Protein backbone atom coordinates (compact mmCIF):
# COMPACT_ATOMS: atom_id res chain seq x y z
CA MET A 1 10.19 -7.47 7.10
CA VAL A 2 9.45 -6.37 3.59
CA GLU A 3 11.11 -9.52 2.22
CA GLN A 4 8.91 -11.71 4.55
CA LEU A 5 5.79 -10.02 3.66
CA SER A 6 6.44 -10.39 -0.04
CA GLY A 7 7.18 -14.04 0.53
CA LEU A 8 3.86 -14.54 2.36
CA ILE A 9 1.92 -12.71 -0.42
CA ILE A 10 3.59 -14.92 -3.08
CA HIS A 11 2.84 -18.10 -1.12
CA LEU A 12 -0.79 -17.17 -0.62
CA ILE A 13 -1.44 -16.44 -4.24
CA ARG A 14 0.29 -19.51 -5.38
CA SER A 15 -1.64 -21.73 -3.00
CA SER A 16 -5.04 -20.22 -3.26
CA GLY A 17 -5.16 -18.32 -6.63
CA TYR A 18 -7.98 -15.95 -7.14
CA VAL A 19 -9.19 -16.18 -3.42
CA GLY A 20 -5.75 -15.18 -2.27
CA ILE A 21 -5.70 -12.18 -4.69
CA PHE A 22 -9.18 -11.19 -3.54
CA ILE A 23 -8.21 -11.34 0.19
CA LEU A 24 -4.87 -9.49 -0.21
CA MET A 25 -6.35 -6.62 -2.38
CA THR A 26 -9.40 -6.28 -0.08
CA LEU A 27 -7.08 -5.96 3.10
CA GLU A 28 -4.97 -3.40 1.20
CA SER A 29 -7.90 -0.97 0.56
CA ALA A 30 -9.24 -1.70 4.04
CA LEU A 31 -6.13 0.22 5.49
CA ILE A 32 -3.98 -2.94 5.94
CA PRO A 33 -0.50 -2.22 4.42
CA ILE A 34 -0.20 -5.09 1.99
CA PRO A 35 1.55 -3.82 -1.24
CA SER A 36 -0.55 -4.49 -4.39
CA GLU A 37 2.84 -3.76 -6.20
CA VAL A 38 3.73 -7.34 -5.18
CA THR A 39 0.34 -9.04 -5.28
CA MET A 40 -0.84 -8.03 -8.76
CA PRO A 41 2.43 -8.51 -10.66
CA PHE A 42 3.02 -11.92 -9.14
CA ALA A 43 -0.60 -12.78 -10.06
CA GLY A 44 0.24 -11.52 -13.64
CA PHE A 45 3.26 -13.78 -13.75
CA LEU A 46 1.09 -16.79 -12.92
CA ALA A 47 -1.33 -15.66 -15.68
CA GLN A 48 1.62 -15.58 -18.13
CA ALA A 49 2.37 -19.16 -16.99
CA GLY A 50 -1.17 -20.29 -17.72
CA ALA A 51 -2.08 -20.97 -14.02
CA LEU A 52 -4.43 -18.04 -13.98
CA ASN A 53 -6.37 -15.91 -16.59
CA PHE A 54 -5.18 -12.41 -17.18
CA TRP A 55 -8.56 -10.61 -17.04
CA ALA A 56 -9.91 -12.63 -14.21
CA VAL A 57 -6.90 -11.67 -12.19
CA ALA A 58 -7.31 -8.02 -12.99
CA ALA A 59 -11.00 -8.15 -12.27
CA VAL A 60 -10.66 -9.97 -8.97
CA GLY A 61 -8.03 -7.42 -7.90
CA ALA A 62 -10.28 -4.48 -8.74
CA LEU A 63 -13.22 -6.08 -7.01
CA GLY A 64 -11.17 -6.78 -3.83
CA ASN A 65 -10.09 -3.22 -3.75
CA LEU A 66 -13.57 -2.09 -4.04
CA ILE A 67 -14.77 -4.14 -1.20
CA GLY A 68 -11.93 -2.95 0.92
CA SER A 69 -12.70 0.62 0.10
CA LEU A 70 -16.30 0.26 1.11
CA LEU A 71 -15.16 -0.92 4.45
CA ALA A 72 -12.83 2.12 4.75
CA TYR A 73 -15.71 4.36 3.48
CA ALA A 74 -17.97 2.97 6.16
CA LEU A 75 -15.41 3.88 8.88
CA GLY A 76 -15.37 7.49 7.66
CA TYR A 77 -19.13 7.55 7.26
CA PHE A 78 -19.98 6.38 10.65
CA LEU A 79 -17.16 7.70 12.88
CA GLU A 80 -16.58 11.22 13.92
CA GLU A 81 -13.35 12.67 12.51
CA SER A 82 -11.95 13.30 15.91
CA VAL A 83 -12.30 9.55 16.56
CA ILE A 84 -10.52 8.69 13.35
CA LEU A 85 -7.59 11.16 14.08
CA SER A 86 -7.32 9.72 17.60
CA LEU A 87 -7.07 6.03 16.06
CA ILE A 88 -4.53 7.24 13.49
CA LYS A 89 -2.35 8.77 16.33
CA LYS A 90 -2.44 5.52 18.33
CA TYR A 91 -2.35 2.93 15.48
CA GLY A 92 -1.40 4.77 12.36
CA LYS A 93 2.26 3.52 12.53
CA PHE A 94 1.03 -0.04 12.32
CA ILE A 95 -0.90 0.56 9.13
CA LEU A 96 1.54 3.10 7.74
CA ILE A 97 -0.74 6.05 7.80
CA SER A 98 0.37 9.32 9.51
CA GLU A 99 -1.88 12.19 10.66
CA HIS A 100 -0.17 14.43 8.17
CA GLU A 101 -1.00 12.01 5.20
CA TYR A 102 -4.60 11.75 6.35
CA ILE A 103 -5.06 15.48 6.43
CA ARG A 104 -3.51 15.81 3.17
CA ALA A 105 -5.91 13.26 1.73
CA VAL A 106 -8.81 15.20 3.14
CA LYS A 107 -7.67 18.52 1.70
CA TRP A 108 -7.37 16.73 -1.72
CA PHE A 109 -10.90 15.46 -1.52
CA GLN A 110 -12.26 18.90 -0.21
CA LYS A 111 -10.32 20.68 -3.09
CA TYR A 112 -10.88 18.38 -6.12
CA GLY A 113 -14.05 16.69 -5.14
CA ASN A 114 -15.34 13.23 -6.23
CA PRO A 115 -12.94 12.77 -9.11
CA ILE A 116 -10.10 12.42 -6.67
CA THR A 117 -11.60 9.17 -5.51
CA PHE A 118 -10.65 7.89 -9.07
CA PHE A 119 -7.24 9.36 -9.36
CA SER A 120 -6.13 8.44 -5.94
CA ARG A 121 -6.55 4.74 -6.82
CA LEU A 122 -3.46 5.17 -9.05
CA LEU A 123 -1.29 6.27 -6.27
CA PRO A 124 0.30 3.46 -4.06
CA ALA A 125 0.01 5.46 -0.81
CA VAL A 126 -2.98 7.52 -0.96
CA ARG A 127 -5.13 4.89 -2.54
CA THR A 128 -5.35 2.91 0.63
CA PHE A 129 -6.96 5.55 2.79
CA ILE A 130 -8.76 8.07 0.43
CA SER A 131 -11.91 6.30 1.24
CA LEU A 132 -11.87 7.68 4.86
CA PRO A 133 -12.40 11.39 3.73
CA ALA A 134 -14.84 10.26 1.12
CA GLY A 135 -16.98 8.58 3.93
CA LEU A 136 -16.59 11.63 6.07
CA ALA A 137 -17.90 13.91 3.33
CA GLU A 138 -20.74 11.39 2.83
CA MET A 139 -19.89 11.13 -0.89
CA ASN A 140 -22.66 9.56 -2.91
CA ILE A 141 -22.23 5.89 -2.44
CA VAL A 142 -23.08 5.04 -6.16
CA LYS A 143 -20.43 7.54 -7.38
CA PHE A 144 -17.97 6.26 -4.79
CA ILE A 145 -18.42 2.65 -6.06
CA ILE A 146 -18.13 3.70 -9.71
CA TYR A 147 -15.00 5.96 -9.25
CA SER A 148 -13.42 3.41 -6.90
CA PHE A 149 -13.85 0.45 -9.09
CA LEU A 150 -12.63 2.10 -12.30
CA GLY A 151 -9.54 3.47 -10.63
CA ALA A 152 -8.83 0.15 -9.04
CA ALA A 153 -9.41 -1.60 -12.42
CA VAL A 154 -6.85 0.55 -14.16
CA TRP A 155 -4.42 0.03 -11.42
CA SER A 156 -4.96 -3.68 -11.10
CA THR A 157 -4.73 -4.28 -14.92
CA PHE A 158 -1.50 -2.09 -15.19
CA LEU A 159 0.23 -4.14 -12.33
CA THR A 160 -1.09 -7.49 -13.72
CA TRP A 161 0.25 -6.47 -17.14
CA ILE A 162 3.69 -5.83 -15.68
CA GLY A 163 3.80 -9.24 -14.14
CA PHE A 164 2.56 -10.86 -17.32
CA TYR A 165 5.03 -8.97 -19.45
CA LEU A 166 7.91 -9.89 -17.14
CA GLY A 167 6.87 -13.60 -17.44
CA THR A 168 9.67 -16.00 -16.64
CA LYS A 169 11.88 -13.11 -15.70
CA TRP A 170 9.78 -12.45 -12.58
CA ASN A 171 12.13 -14.13 -10.16
CA SER A 172 14.96 -11.96 -11.16
CA TRP A 173 13.08 -8.79 -11.55
CA GLU A 174 10.78 -8.87 -8.57
CA PRO A 175 13.30 -7.66 -6.00
CA TYR A 176 14.15 -4.72 -8.18
CA PHE A 177 10.57 -3.94 -9.13
CA ARG A 178 9.77 -3.43 -5.36
CA LYS A 179 12.88 -1.26 -4.79
CA PHE A 180 11.84 1.04 -7.82
CA GLN A 181 8.09 1.46 -6.98
CA LEU A 182 8.89 5.10 -6.50
CA VAL A 183 9.33 5.44 -10.41
CA ILE A 184 5.78 4.30 -10.76
CA VAL A 185 4.51 6.70 -8.11
CA VAL A 186 6.32 9.56 -9.62
CA LEU A 187 4.96 8.80 -13.16
CA VAL A 188 1.42 8.47 -11.88
CA VAL A 189 1.55 11.68 -9.73
CA VAL A 190 2.74 13.63 -12.74
CA GLY A 191 0.02 12.38 -14.81
CA ILE A 192 -2.66 13.15 -12.18
CA LEU A 193 -1.38 16.68 -11.52
CA TRP A 194 -1.34 17.34 -15.28
CA TYR A 195 -4.94 16.24 -15.63
CA ILE A 196 -6.15 18.12 -12.60
CA ASN A 197 -4.20 21.37 -13.44
CA HIS A 198 -5.19 21.27 -17.09
CA LYS A 199 -8.27 19.21 -17.87
CA LEU A 200 -10.42 20.21 -14.85
CA LYS A 201 -9.60 23.75 -15.31
CA ILE A 202 -10.67 23.68 -18.92
CA ILE A 203 -13.91 22.11 -17.92
CA LYS A 204 -14.65 24.69 -15.17
CA PHE A 205 -13.61 27.44 -17.61
CA GLY A 206 -16.13 26.29 -20.07
CA LYS A 207 -18.86 26.14 -17.47
CA LYS A 208 -18.12 29.76 -16.44
CA LYS A 209 -18.84 30.92 -19.97
């Protein structure tokens, strides 16, 4: 299944370029389980080959993520939480979201506030549905757009760079890259936890004084 999905992603990008990247990244942030870990590195590979522009690829990927995030935000904003939970129970398995993961994302948002919207964009799992609790909390839309786009820009640029760096080695590295996505997740989680537990506490401590 994963192999087939990866093949479809690669085919779409190869045949439609920036449009394909935009569609795939929009769908990913709109709660459709399409791995950006395949989309953006392959687009980066095409940029290295001269078929696409590196910065245009990163920008289109980030913009697609933003549009998809706004769609998910709208769901959270206009629907009751009970309705969202009911939908997750019925259809969550099709979009790889469990009730537990959703509740965890809500708790993260409640605990860390708006900044988690940025940091969650760097997490391959949470990034696809953090917009729901943001919408439920009626987060300021301007702040949501800024945090979401900046986080998506960092993630898209990073993944594009990986594909660009691998270059002609993409075909041999791509299967291994997908298998070891967990390494990327662990590194990002460690970085985020370090920032939250140290930087944010320092800022709050300064305010108390």
